[in-house]
PDB file of N, CA and C in Angstrom:
ATOM      1  N   MET A   1     -11.237 -64.731 -77.995  1.00  0.00           N
ATOM      2  CA  MET A   1      -9.970 -64.816 -77.286  1.00  0.00           C
ATOM      3  C   MET A   1      -8.940 -65.578 -78.108  1.00  0.00           C
ATOM      4  N   LEU A   2      -9.341 -66.674 -78.709  1.00  0.00           N
ATOM      5  CA  LEU A   2      -8.402 -67.449 -79.517  1.00  0.00           C
ATOM      6  C   LEU A   2      -7.893 -66.648 -80.702  1.00  0.00           C
ATOM      7  N   GLU A   3      -8.755 -65.843 -81.294  1.00  0.00           N
ATOM      8  CA  GLU A   3      -8.341 -65.016 -82.430  1.00  0.00           C
ATOM      9  C   GLU A   3      -7.267 -64.019 -81.999  1.00  0.00           C
ATOM     10  N   LEU A   4      -7.440 -63.400 -80.844  1.00  0.00           N
ATOM     11  CA  LEU A   4      -6.448 -62.461 -80.323  1.00  0.00           C
ATOM     12  C   LEU A   4      -5.123 -63.173 -80.087  1.00  0.00           C
ATOM     13  N   MET A   5      -5.170 -64.339 -79.490  1.00  0.00           N
ATOM     14  CA  MET A   5      -3.943 -65.079 -79.212  1.00  0.00           C
ATOM     15  C   MET A   5      -3.233 -65.470 -80.501  1.00  0.00           C
ATOM     16  N   LYS A   6      -3.987 -65.819 -81.524  1.00  0.00           N
ATOM     17  CA  LYS A   6      -3.394 -66.179 -82.808  1.00  0.00           C
ATOM     18  C   LYS A   6      -2.662 -64.977 -83.404  1.00  0.00           C
ATOM     19  N   THR A   7      -3.277 -63.809 -83.342  1.00  0.00           N
ATOM     20  CA  THR A   7      -2.655 -62.597 -83.866  1.00  0.00           C
ATOM     21  C   THR A   7      -1.382 -62.277 -83.099  1.00  0.00           C
ATOM     22  N   VAL A   8      -1.448 -62.354 -81.802  1.00  0.00           N
ATOM     23  CA  VAL A   8      -0.280 -62.065 -80.975  1.00  0.00           C
ATOM     24  C   VAL A   8       0.835 -63.053 -81.286  1.00  0.00           C
ATOM     25  N   LYS A   9       0.498 -64.311 -81.418  1.00  0.00           N
ATOM     26  CA  LYS A   9       1.497 -65.340 -81.690  1.00  0.00           C
ATOM     27  C   LYS A   9       2.169 -65.104 -83.044  1.00  0.00           C
ATOM     28  N   ILE A  10       1.396 -64.790 -84.049  1.00  0.00           N
ATOM     29  CA  ILE A  10       1.937 -64.575 -85.388  1.00  0.00           C
ATOM     30  C   ILE A  10       2.781 -63.309 -85.436  1.00  0.00           C
ATOM     31  N   GLN A  11       2.328 -62.262 -84.786  1.00  0.00           N
ATOM     32  CA  GLN A  11       2.999 -60.968 -84.864  1.00  0.00           C
ATOM     33  C   GLN A  11       3.890 -60.695 -83.655  1.00  0.00           C
ATOM     34  N   GLY A  12       4.109 -61.689 -82.831  1.00  0.00           N
ATOM     35  CA  GLY A  12       4.814 -61.497 -81.574  1.00  0.00           C
ATOM     36  C   GLY A  12       6.174 -60.847 -81.680  1.00  0.00           C
ATOM     37  N   ALA A  13       6.946 -61.165 -82.686  1.00  0.00           N
ATOM     38  CA  ALA A  13       8.296 -60.613 -82.812  1.00  0.00           C
ATOM     39  C   ALA A  13       8.404 -59.607 -83.949  1.00  0.00           C
ATOM     40  N   ALA A  14       7.289 -59.151 -84.465  1.00  0.00           N
ATOM     41  CA  ALA A  14       7.316 -58.253 -85.624  1.00  0.00           C
ATOM     42  C   ALA A  14       8.100 -56.975 -85.340  1.00  0.00           C
ATOM     43  N   THR A  15       7.863 -56.358 -84.202  1.00  0.00           N
ATOM     44  CA  THR A  15       8.557 -55.105 -83.893  1.00  0.00           C
ATOM     45  C   THR A  15      10.046 -55.335 -83.710  1.00  0.00           C
ATOM     46  N   GLN A  16      10.417 -56.398 -82.998  1.00  0.00           N
ATOM     47  CA  GLN A  16      11.835 -56.689 -82.794  1.00  0.00           C
ATOM     48  C   GLN A  16      12.532 -56.944 -84.125  1.00  0.00           C
ATOM     49  N   CYS A  17      11.889 -57.682 -85.003  1.00  0.00           N
ATOM     50  CA  CYS A  17      12.471 -57.953 -86.324  1.00  0.00           C
ATOM     51  C   CYS A  17      12.580 -56.670 -87.142  1.00  0.00           C
ATOM     52  N   TYR A  18      11.558 -55.844 -87.087  1.00  0.00           N
ATOM     53  CA  TYR A  18      11.575 -54.573 -87.811  1.00  0.00           C
ATOM     54  C   TYR A  18      12.750 -53.713 -87.356  1.00  0.00           C
ATOM     55  N   VAL A  19      12.887 -53.557 -86.048  1.00  0.00           N
ATOM     56  CA  VAL A  19      13.955 -52.705 -85.514  1.00  0.00           C
ATOM     57  C   VAL A  19      15.331 -53.291 -85.821  1.00  0.00           C
ATOM     58  N   ALA A  20      15.441 -54.595 -85.798  1.00  0.00           N
ATOM     59  CA  ALA A  20      16.735 -55.237 -86.043  1.00  0.00           C
ATOM     60  C   ALA A  20      17.140 -55.215 -87.514  1.00  0.00           C
ATOM     61  N   LEU A  21      16.165 -55.258 -88.425  1.00  0.00           N
ATOM     62  CA  LEU A  21      16.493 -55.497 -89.826  1.00  0.00           C
ATOM     63  C   LEU A  21      16.143 -54.383 -90.809  1.00  0.00           C
ATOM     64  N   HIS A  22      15.203 -53.532 -90.483  1.00  0.00           N
ATOM     65  CA  HIS A  22      14.726 -52.563 -91.474  1.00  0.00           C
ATOM     66  C   HIS A  22      15.710 -51.400 -91.631  1.00  0.00           C
ATOM     67  N   PRO A  23      16.081 -51.077 -92.871  1.00  0.00           N
ATOM     68  CA  PRO A  23      17.035 -49.986 -93.092  1.00  0.00           C
ATOM     69  C   PRO A  23      16.519 -48.619 -92.632  1.00  0.00           C
ATOM     70  N   GLN A  24      15.221 -48.467 -92.539  1.00  0.00           N
ATOM     71  CA  GLN A  24      14.643 -47.185 -92.138  1.00  0.00           C
ATOM     72  C   GLN A  24      15.000 -46.811 -90.691  1.00  0.00           C
ATOM     73  N   VAL A  25      15.301 -47.793 -89.867  1.00  0.00           N
ATOM     74  CA  VAL A  25      15.640 -47.503 -88.469  1.00  0.00           C
ATOM     75  C   VAL A  25      17.109 -47.807 -88.156  1.00  0.00           C
ATOM     76  N   LYS A  26      17.898 -47.999 -89.194  1.00  0.00           N
ATOM     77  CA  LYS A  26      19.322 -48.270 -89.004  1.00  0.00           C
ATOM     78  C   LYS A  26      19.975 -47.101 -88.269  1.00  0.00           C
ATOM     79  N   GLY A  27      20.740 -47.421 -87.252  1.00  0.00           N
ATOM     80  CA  GLY A  27      21.452 -46.400 -86.496  1.00  0.00           C
ATOM     81  C   GLY A  27      20.644 -45.746 -85.389  1.00  0.00           C
ATOM     82  N   ILE A  28      19.373 -46.050 -85.292  1.00  0.00           N
ATOM     83  CA  ILE A  28      18.546 -45.479 -84.223  1.00  0.00           C
ATOM     84  C   ILE A  28      18.745 -46.316 -82.966  1.00  0.00           C
ATOM     85  N   SER A  29      19.036 -45.639 -81.869  1.00  0.00           N
ATOM     86  CA  SER A  29      19.173 -46.345 -80.596  1.00  0.00           C
ATOM     87  C   SER A  29      18.532 -45.506 -79.497  1.00  0.00           C
ATOM     88  N   ASP A  30      18.396 -46.095 -78.337  1.00  0.00           N
ATOM     89  CA  ASP A  30      17.792 -45.418 -77.183  1.00  0.00           C
ATOM     90  C   ASP A  30      16.367 -44.951 -77.464  1.00  0.00           C
ATOM     91  N   GLU A  31      15.654 -45.716 -78.242  1.00  0.00           N
ATOM     92  CA  GLU A  31      14.255 -45.408 -78.534  1.00  0.00           C
ATOM     93  C   GLU A  31      13.396 -46.606 -78.161  1.00  0.00           C
ATOM     94  N   TYR A  32      12.146 -46.356 -77.864  1.00  0.00           N
ATOM     95  CA  TYR A  32      11.174 -47.400 -77.554  1.00  0.00           C
ATOM     96  C   TYR A  32      10.281 -47.576 -78.773  1.00  0.00           C
ATOM     97  N   PHE A  33      10.058 -48.815 -79.164  1.00  0.00           N
ATOM     98  CA  PHE A  33       9.200 -49.109 -80.309  1.00  0.00           C
ATOM     99  C   PHE A  33       8.032 -49.981 -79.873  1.00  0.00           C
ATOM    100  N   MET A  34       6.877 -49.707 -80.456  1.00  0.00           N
ATOM    101  CA  MET A  34       5.683 -50.507 -80.221  1.00  0.00           C
ATOM    102  C   MET A  34       4.932 -50.603 -81.544  1.00  0.00           C
ATOM    103  N   ASP A  35       4.545 -51.794 -81.923  1.00  0.00           N
ATOM    104  CA  ASP A  35       3.856 -52.022 -83.201  1.00  0.00           C
ATOM    105  C   ASP A  35       4.645 -51.442 -84.375  1.00  0.00           C
ATOM    106  N   SER A  36       5.949 -51.639 -84.344  1.00  0.00           N
ATOM    107  CA  SER A  36       6.875 -51.201 -85.396  1.00  0.00           C
ATOM    108  C   SER A  36       6.920 -49.685 -85.584  1.00  0.00           C
ATOM    109  N   ASN A  37       6.597 -48.950 -84.549  1.00  0.00           N
ATOM    110  CA  ASN A  37       6.665 -47.489 -84.584  1.00  0.00           C
ATOM    111  C   ASN A  37       7.344 -46.983 -83.320  1.00  0.00           C
ATOM    112  N   LYS A  38       8.040 -45.853 -83.446  1.00  0.00           N
ATOM    113  CA  LYS A  38       8.583 -45.236 -82.242  1.00  0.00           C
ATOM    114  C   LYS A  38       7.419 -44.813 -81.361  1.00  0.00           C
ATOM    115  N   ALA A  39       7.586 -45.013 -80.068  1.00  0.00           N
ATOM    116  CA  ALA A  39       6.532 -44.664 -79.122  1.00  0.00           C
ATOM    117  C   ALA A  39       7.171 -44.155 -77.838  1.00  0.00           C
ATOM    118  N   LYS A  40       6.376 -43.502 -77.036  1.00  0.00           N
ATOM    119  CA  LYS A  40       6.858 -43.019 -75.747  1.00  0.00           C
ATOM    120  C   LYS A  40       6.708 -44.144 -74.725  1.00  0.00           C
ATOM    121  N   ALA A  41       7.776 -44.400 -73.999  1.00  0.00           N
ATOM    122  CA  ALA A  41       7.733 -45.422 -72.953  1.00  0.00           C
ATOM    123  C   ALA A  41       6.843 -44.939 -71.810  1.00  0.00           C
ATOM    124  N   SER A  42       6.256 -45.877 -71.096  1.00  0.00           N
ATOM    125  CA  SER A  42       5.376 -45.530 -69.981  1.00  0.00           C
ATOM    126  C   SER A  42       6.158 -44.842 -68.866  1.00  0.00           C
ATOM    127  N   CYS A  43       5.445 -44.213 -67.967  1.00  0.00           N
ATOM    128  CA  CYS A  43       6.101 -43.539 -66.843  1.00  0.00           C
ATOM    129  C   CYS A  43       6.865 -44.547 -65.989  1.00  0.00           C
ATOM    130  N   HIS A  44       6.363 -45.766 -65.883  1.00  0.00           N
ATOM    131  CA  HIS A  44       7.062 -46.798 -65.112  1.00  0.00           C
ATOM    132  C   HIS A  44       8.398 -47.156 -65.763  1.00  0.00           C
ATOM    133  N   ALA A  45       8.425 -47.186 -67.069  1.00  0.00           N
ATOM    134  CA  ALA A  45       9.655 -47.524 -67.785  1.00  0.00           C
ATOM    135  C   ALA A  45      10.709 -46.431 -67.653  1.00  0.00           C
ATOM    136  N   GLN A  46      10.291 -45.230 -67.328  1.00  0.00           N
ATOM    137  CA  GLN A  46      11.210 -44.103 -67.197  1.00  0.00           C
ATOM    138  C   GLN A  46      11.577 -43.800 -65.747  1.00  0.00           C
ATOM    139  N   ASP A  47      11.099 -44.607 -64.822  1.00  0.00           N
ATOM    140  CA  ASP A  47      11.306 -44.387 -63.394  1.00  0.00           C
ATOM    141  C   ASP A  47      12.635 -45.009 -62.948  1.00  0.00           C
ATOM    142  N   ALA A  48      13.629 -44.174 -62.687  1.00  0.00           N
ATOM    143  CA  ALA A  48      14.966 -44.655 -62.321  1.00  0.00           C
ATOM    144  C   ALA A  48      14.956 -45.409 -60.990  1.00  0.00           C
ATOM    145  N   ASP A  49      14.161 -44.959 -60.031  1.00  0.00           N
ATOM    146  CA  ASP A  49      14.087 -45.652 -58.739  1.00  0.00           C
ATOM    147  C   ASP A  49      13.489 -47.051 -58.901  1.00  0.00           C
ATOM    148  N   LEU A  50      12.456 -47.149 -59.696  1.00  0.00           N
ATOM    149  CA  LEU A  50      11.839 -48.446 -59.955  1.00  0.00           C
ATOM    150  C   LEU A  50      12.807 -49.364 -60.700  1.00  0.00           C
ATOM    151  N   ALA A  51      13.565 -48.808 -61.625  1.00  0.00           N
ATOM    152  CA  ALA A  51      14.561 -49.596 -62.356  1.00  0.00           C
ATOM    153  C   ALA A  51      15.611 -50.152 -61.400  1.00  0.00           C
ATOM    154  N   LYS A  52      16.035 -49.343 -60.446  1.00  0.00           N
ATOM    155  CA  LYS A  52      17.025 -49.794 -59.455  1.00  0.00           C
ATOM    156  C   LYS A  52      16.451 -50.920 -58.600  1.00  0.00           C
ATOM    157  N   LYS A  53      15.199 -50.777 -58.181  1.00  0.00           N
ATOM    158  CA  LYS A  53      14.560 -51.829 -57.385  1.00  0.00           C
ATOM    159  C   LYS A  53      14.470 -53.130 -58.184  1.00  0.00           C
ATOM    160  N   LEU A  54      14.103 -53.029 -59.446  1.00  0.00           N
ATOM    161  CA  LEU A  54      14.018 -54.213 -60.290  1.00  0.00           C
ATOM    162  C   LEU A  54      15.390 -54.848 -60.471  1.00  0.00           C
ATOM    163  N   TRP A  55      16.402 -54.021 -60.683  1.00  0.00           N
ATOM    164  CA  TRP A  55      17.770 -54.524 -60.840  1.00  0.00           C
ATOM    165  C   TRP A  55      18.212 -55.264 -59.578  1.00  0.00           C
ATOM    166  N   ASP A  56      18.006 -54.641 -58.431  1.00  0.00           N
ATOM    167  CA  ASP A  56      18.402 -55.262 -57.165  1.00  0.00           C
ATOM    168  C   ASP A  56      17.638 -56.568 -56.924  1.00  0.00           C
ATOM    169  N   PHE A  57      16.353 -56.567 -57.221  1.00  0.00           N
ATOM    170  CA  PHE A  57      15.555 -57.781 -57.071  1.00  0.00           C
ATOM    171  C   PHE A  57      16.074 -58.878 -57.999  1.00  0.00           C
ATOM    172  N   SER A  58      16.384 -58.515 -59.235  1.00  0.00           N
ATOM    173  CA  SER A  58      16.895 -59.497 -60.197  1.00  0.00           C
ATOM    174  C   SER A  58      18.215 -60.095 -59.723  1.00  0.00           C
ATOM    175  N   LEU A  59      19.079 -59.253 -59.183  1.00  0.00           N
ATOM    176  CA  LEU A  59      20.349 -59.752 -58.644  1.00  0.00           C
ATOM    177  C   LEU A  59      20.109 -60.728 -57.497  1.00  0.00           C
ATOM    178  N   SER A  60      19.178 -60.393 -56.629  1.00  0.00           N
ATOM    179  CA  SER A  60      18.907 -61.274 -55.491  1.00  0.00           C
ATOM    180  C   SER A  60      18.327 -62.615 -55.949  1.00  0.00           C
ATOM    181  N   MET A  61      17.552 -62.604 -57.002  1.00  0.00           N
ATOM    182  CA  MET A  61      16.947 -63.843 -57.504  1.00  0.00           C
ATOM    183  C   MET A  61      17.967 -64.733 -58.217  1.00  0.00           C
ATOM    184  N   THR A  62      19.026 -64.130 -58.730  1.00  0.00           N
ATOM    185  CA  THR A  62      20.033 -64.905 -59.464  1.00  0.00           C
ATOM    186  C   THR A  62      21.284 -65.165 -58.631  1.00  0.00           C
ATOM    187  N   ASN A  63      21.270 -64.687 -57.391  1.00  0.00           N
ATOM    188  CA  ASN A  63      22.411 -64.851 -56.481  1.00  0.00           C
ATOM    189  C   ASN A  63      23.703 -64.251 -57.033  1.00  0.00           C
ATOM    190  N   LEU A  64      23.581 -63.163 -57.760  1.00  0.00           N
ATOM    191  CA  LEU A  64      24.758 -62.458 -58.259  1.00  0.00           C
ATOM    192  C   LEU A  64      25.079 -61.302 -57.316  1.00  0.00           C
ATOM    193  N   PRO A  65      26.333 -60.890 -57.271  1.00  0.00           N
ATOM    194  CA  PRO A  65      26.706 -59.791 -56.347  1.00  0.00           C
ATOM    195  C   PRO A  65      26.133 -58.445 -56.767  1.00  0.00           C
TER     196      PRO A  65
END
């Protein structure tokens, strides 16, 4: 378990850094990346109704209109 946590900690922002800085993905938007590769988002991530519920819940938790 500790070995897994160490790997996750070291590589935790690798994909975000890759997408932000690597010239190979310059100009790419509206894509999902996992392990520094384009990937298909889960069905939950593509669910517009679920996204609306999450948005509304987030607004209620932050007391925003």
